[in-house]
Amino acid sequence: MLDISTKEHPFRARSNALRSVEKLQPPDFEWVARNAKSGIGSVYTAGMYQIRAATPADASVITHHRRRMFVDAGRQNNRVLDVMAEHFKPWVETRLADGRYIGWLTTADGAVVAGAGLIVLDWPPHPLDPRQDKRGYLLNVYVEPEHRRKKLASQLIDHALAEARKQKIRVIALHSTDAGKPLYESNGFRSTNEMFYVEPVEG
């Protein structure tokens, strides 16, 4: 488990490396109309890549990212992931629609090549954030293999941290593979002492 507290690890904004695009053409215009005032519907460009907000219409590609993320981390691409994907797609679609899941997708020539999401958890006040009853959770950070090592994940993480800061959330947690830890540590995250107890899952 990794987390970030803005007291020890200030947000590393790279927004100056991104420029706004005036016209937004996402796949779900109704969603954008509802969220325009919040700024969630903004689109940014960096070189050949664009970062845009995820909408309910993106539930399938986010589900694909989530599945591939686990496979790349070493899990077998088996029935367990089939069941997970079957239940995750409607879960994320619903939460994208009502704002409980905030996602960003990176595109190149109109194709989605990377993504990340942020959810806000109900959380008791903690010494890292003694006045706040919420905690952010960063999830589904995934970059297609042919587009890796181009700082796309870091740019998506910046968007998530900026959104958390806007909501005055100082602690953002995530789970990382050993291979992914250098990425998150370079963005201000640090390891914690969290432990898990997990009941066996039937395959």
Protein backbone atom coordinates (compact mmCIF):
# COMPACT_ATOMS: atom_id res chain seq x y z
CA MET A 1 0.00 0.00 0.00
CA LEU A 2 1.25 3.45 -0.88
CA ASP A 3 -0.19 6.77 0.11
CA ILE A 4 0.55 10.45 -0.17
CA SER A 5 0.04 13.16 2.41
CA THR A 6 0.35 16.70 1.12
CA LYS A 7 2.07 17.78 4.30
CA GLU A 8 5.12 15.59 3.70
CA HIS A 9 4.79 15.23 -0.06
CA PRO A 10 3.39 18.31 -1.83
CA PHE A 11 1.45 17.69 -5.01
CA ARG A 12 3.77 17.83 -7.98
CA ALA A 13 1.71 19.75 -10.47
CA ARG A 14 2.73 19.49 -14.09
CA SER A 15 -0.28 21.38 -15.40
CA ASN A 16 2.03 23.97 -16.95
CA ALA A 17 3.14 21.26 -19.36
CA LEU A 18 -0.46 20.76 -20.48
CA ARG A 19 -2.56 23.21 -22.44
CA SER A 20 -6.32 23.48 -22.62
CA VAL A 21 -8.24 22.52 -25.72
CA GLU A 22 -11.22 24.76 -26.34
CA LYS A 23 -13.65 22.28 -27.85
CA LEU A 24 -14.49 19.02 -26.10
CA GLN A 25 -15.85 16.08 -28.07
CA PRO A 26 -16.20 13.18 -25.64
CA PRO A 27 -18.41 10.15 -26.25
CA ASP A 28 -21.12 11.19 -23.79
CA PHE A 29 -22.37 14.75 -24.33
CA GLU A 30 -25.09 14.54 -21.67
CA TRP A 31 -22.51 13.61 -19.03
CA VAL A 32 -20.30 16.53 -20.07
CA ALA A 33 -23.19 18.98 -19.85
CA ARG A 34 -23.91 17.87 -16.28
CA ASN A 35 -20.25 18.14 -15.24
CA ALA A 36 -19.09 21.17 -17.20
CA LYS A 37 -19.26 23.59 -14.27
CA SER A 38 -17.01 21.37 -12.13
CA GLY A 39 -14.21 21.41 -14.69
CA ILE A 40 -14.21 17.62 -14.95
CA GLY A 41 -14.95 17.79 -18.66
CA SER A 42 -11.72 19.57 -19.60
CA VAL A 43 -9.41 18.16 -22.26
CA TYR A 44 -5.64 18.66 -22.22
CA THR A 45 -2.95 17.92 -24.75
CA ALA A 46 0.72 17.02 -24.39
CA GLY A 47 2.49 16.31 -27.67
CA MET A 48 0.58 13.70 -29.66
CA TYR A 49 -1.53 12.75 -26.64
CA GLN A 50 -4.75 14.16 -25.23
CA ILE A 51 -6.12 13.62 -21.74
CA ARG A 52 -9.88 13.81 -21.32
CA ALA A 53 -12.39 12.95 -18.64
CA ALA A 54 -13.86 9.47 -18.68
CA THR A 55 -17.61 9.15 -19.12
CA PRO A 56 -20.07 6.27 -18.60
CA ALA A 57 -19.55 5.34 -22.26
CA ASP A 58 -15.95 4.47 -21.36
CA ALA A 59 -16.88 1.70 -18.91
CA SER A 60 -15.74 -1.04 -21.30
CA VAL A 61 -12.28 0.40 -21.91
CA ILE A 62 -11.76 1.03 -18.17
CA THR A 63 -12.78 -2.57 -17.53
CA HIS A 64 -10.22 -3.66 -20.13
CA HIS A 65 -7.55 -1.57 -18.40
CA ARG A 66 -8.39 -3.08 -15.03
CA ARG A 67 -8.19 -6.63 -16.34
CA ARG A 68 -4.92 -6.05 -18.17
CA MET A 69 -3.48 -4.35 -15.11
CA PHE A 70 -3.94 -7.54 -13.08
CA VAL A 71 -2.67 -9.78 -15.88
CA ASP A 72 0.44 -7.65 -16.32
CA ALA A 73 0.98 -7.90 -12.54
CA GLY A 74 1.16 -11.68 -12.85
CA ARG A 75 -2.38 -12.94 -12.28
CA GLN A 76 -3.72 -15.67 -14.51
CA ASN A 77 -6.15 -14.45 -17.15
CA ASN A 78 -8.82 -16.88 -16.02
CA ARG A 79 -12.42 -17.18 -14.85
CA VAL A 80 -11.78 -15.09 -11.75
CA LEU A 81 -10.99 -12.09 -13.95
CA ASP A 82 -14.02 -12.88 -16.11
CA VAL A 83 -16.22 -12.59 -13.04
CA MET A 84 -14.44 -9.46 -11.88
CA ALA A 85 -14.91 -7.78 -15.28
CA GLU A 86 -18.55 -8.83 -15.43
CA HIS A 87 -19.25 -7.10 -12.12
CA PHE A 88 -16.83 -4.21 -12.52
CA LYS A 89 -18.24 -2.82 -15.79
CA PRO A 90 -21.72 -1.91 -14.41
CA TRP A 91 -20.09 -0.77 -11.15
CA VAL A 92 -17.84 1.75 -12.85
CA GLU A 93 -20.50 2.80 -15.37
CA THR A 94 -22.89 3.71 -12.55
CA ARG A 95 -20.22 5.59 -10.60
CA LEU A 96 -18.98 7.50 -13.63
CA ALA A 97 -22.56 8.63 -14.17
CA ASP A 98 -23.12 9.85 -10.61
CA GLY A 99 -19.62 11.20 -9.97
CA ARG A 100 -18.44 8.65 -7.41
CA TYR A 101 -15.71 7.54 -9.83
CA ILE A 102 -13.65 10.24 -11.51
CA GLY A 103 -11.58 8.98 -14.40
CA TRP A 104 -9.17 10.30 -17.00
CA LEU A 105 -8.20 8.72 -20.31
CA THR A 106 -5.25 9.46 -22.55
CA THR A 107 -5.88 9.20 -26.27
CA ALA A 108 -3.67 9.16 -29.36
CA ASP A 109 -5.30 9.62 -32.75
CA GLY A 110 -8.68 9.04 -31.09
CA ALA A 111 -7.73 5.70 -29.51
CA VAL A 112 -7.56 5.31 -25.74
CA VAL A 113 -4.03 4.30 -24.72
CA ALA A 114 -3.98 4.94 -20.96
CA GLY A 115 -6.24 5.69 -18.03
CA ALA A 116 -6.55 6.26 -14.30
CA GLY A 117 -9.33 6.75 -11.79
CA LEU A 118 -9.98 8.31 -8.40
CA ILE A 119 -12.64 7.43 -5.86
CA VAL A 120 -13.31 9.22 -2.59
CA LEU A 121 -13.72 6.95 0.42
CA ASP A 122 -15.51 7.68 3.66
CA TRP A 123 -12.68 7.57 6.20
CA PRO A 124 -12.30 8.44 9.87
CA PRO A 125 -10.10 11.43 10.76
CA HIS A 126 -6.48 10.32 10.97
CA PRO A 127 -3.24 11.95 12.16
CA LEU A 128 -2.23 12.45 8.53
CA ASP A 129 -5.42 14.46 7.96
CA PRO A 130 -7.03 15.11 11.36
CA ARG A 131 -9.97 17.21 10.14
CA GLN A 132 -10.99 15.28 7.05
CA ASP A 133 -13.50 12.42 6.96
CA LYS A 134 -12.53 11.35 3.43
CA ARG A 135 -9.57 9.73 1.75
CA GLY A 136 -8.76 9.42 -1.93
CA TYR A 137 -8.00 6.12 -3.62
CA LEU A 138 -6.13 6.00 -6.93
CA LEU A 139 -6.92 2.99 -9.09
CA ASN A 140 -6.89 1.51 -12.57
CA VAL A 141 -3.68 3.25 -13.62
CA TYR A 142 -2.84 1.54 -16.89
CA VAL A 143 -0.86 2.34 -20.04
CA GLU A 144 -0.95 0.19 -23.16
CA PRO A 145 2.48 -1.47 -23.62
CA GLU A 146 3.43 0.36 -26.81
CA HIS A 147 2.87 3.73 -25.13
CA ARG A 148 4.80 3.15 -21.91
CA ARG A 149 7.84 5.14 -20.71
CA LYS A 150 6.38 8.37 -22.07
CA LYS A 151 5.26 9.78 -18.70
CA LEU A 152 1.59 9.15 -19.53
CA ALA A 153 0.96 7.55 -16.13
CA SER A 154 2.58 10.48 -14.32
CA GLN A 155 0.39 12.94 -16.22
CA LEU A 156 -2.73 10.98 -15.26
CA ILE A 157 -1.58 10.84 -11.64
CA ASP A 158 -1.19 14.62 -11.70
CA HIS A 159 -4.81 14.98 -12.76
CA ALA A 160 -5.96 12.73 -9.93
CA LEU A 161 -3.89 14.57 -7.33
CA ALA A 162 -5.15 17.92 -8.59
CA GLU A 163 -8.75 16.72 -8.22
CA ALA A 164 -8.03 15.47 -4.70
CA ARG A 165 -6.46 18.80 -3.79
CA LYS A 166 -9.52 20.60 -5.16
CA GLN A 167 -11.65 18.50 -2.81
CA LYS A 168 -9.23 19.30 0.06
CA ILE A 169 -8.26 15.66 0.44
CA ARG A 170 -4.72 15.35 1.76
CA VAL A 171 -4.27 11.57 1.78
CA ILE A 172 -4.50 9.47 -1.38
CA ALA A 173 -3.83 5.74 -1.22
CA LEU A 174 -3.20 3.11 -3.86
CA HIS A 175 -1.92 -0.44 -4.30
CA SER A 176 1.13 -1.04 -6.43
CA THR A 177 3.22 -3.88 -7.76
CA ASP A 178 6.92 -3.86 -6.96
CA ALA A 179 7.59 -2.79 -10.55
CA GLY A 180 5.21 0.14 -10.22
CA LYS A 181 6.59 1.51 -6.95
CA PRO A 182 9.29 3.72 -8.54
CA LEU A 183 6.61 5.48 -10.60
CA TYR A 184 4.48 6.27 -7.58
CA GLU A 185 7.42 7.18 -5.37
CA SER A 186 8.57 9.66 -8.02
CA ASN A 187 5.13 11.26 -7.73
CA GLY A 188 5.33 11.65 -3.95
CA PHE A 189 3.82 8.39 -2.70
CA ARG A 190 5.47 6.36 0.05
CA SER A 191 4.99 2.87 1.45
CA THR A 192 2.82 2.28 4.52
CA ASN A 193 2.33 -0.57 6.97
CA GLU A 194 -1.06 -1.75 5.70
CA MET A 195 -1.87 -5.47 5.88
CA PHE A 196 -4.66 -7.55 4.31
CA TYR A 197 -6.75 -10.51 5.28
CA VAL A 198 -8.45 -12.00 2.22
CA GLU A 199 -10.82 -14.95 2.07
CA PRO A 200 -10.01 -17.39 -0.75
CA VAL A 201 -11.77 -16.72 -4.05
CA GLU A 202 -13.25 -19.65 -5.88
CA GLY A 203 -11.91 -19.79 -9.46
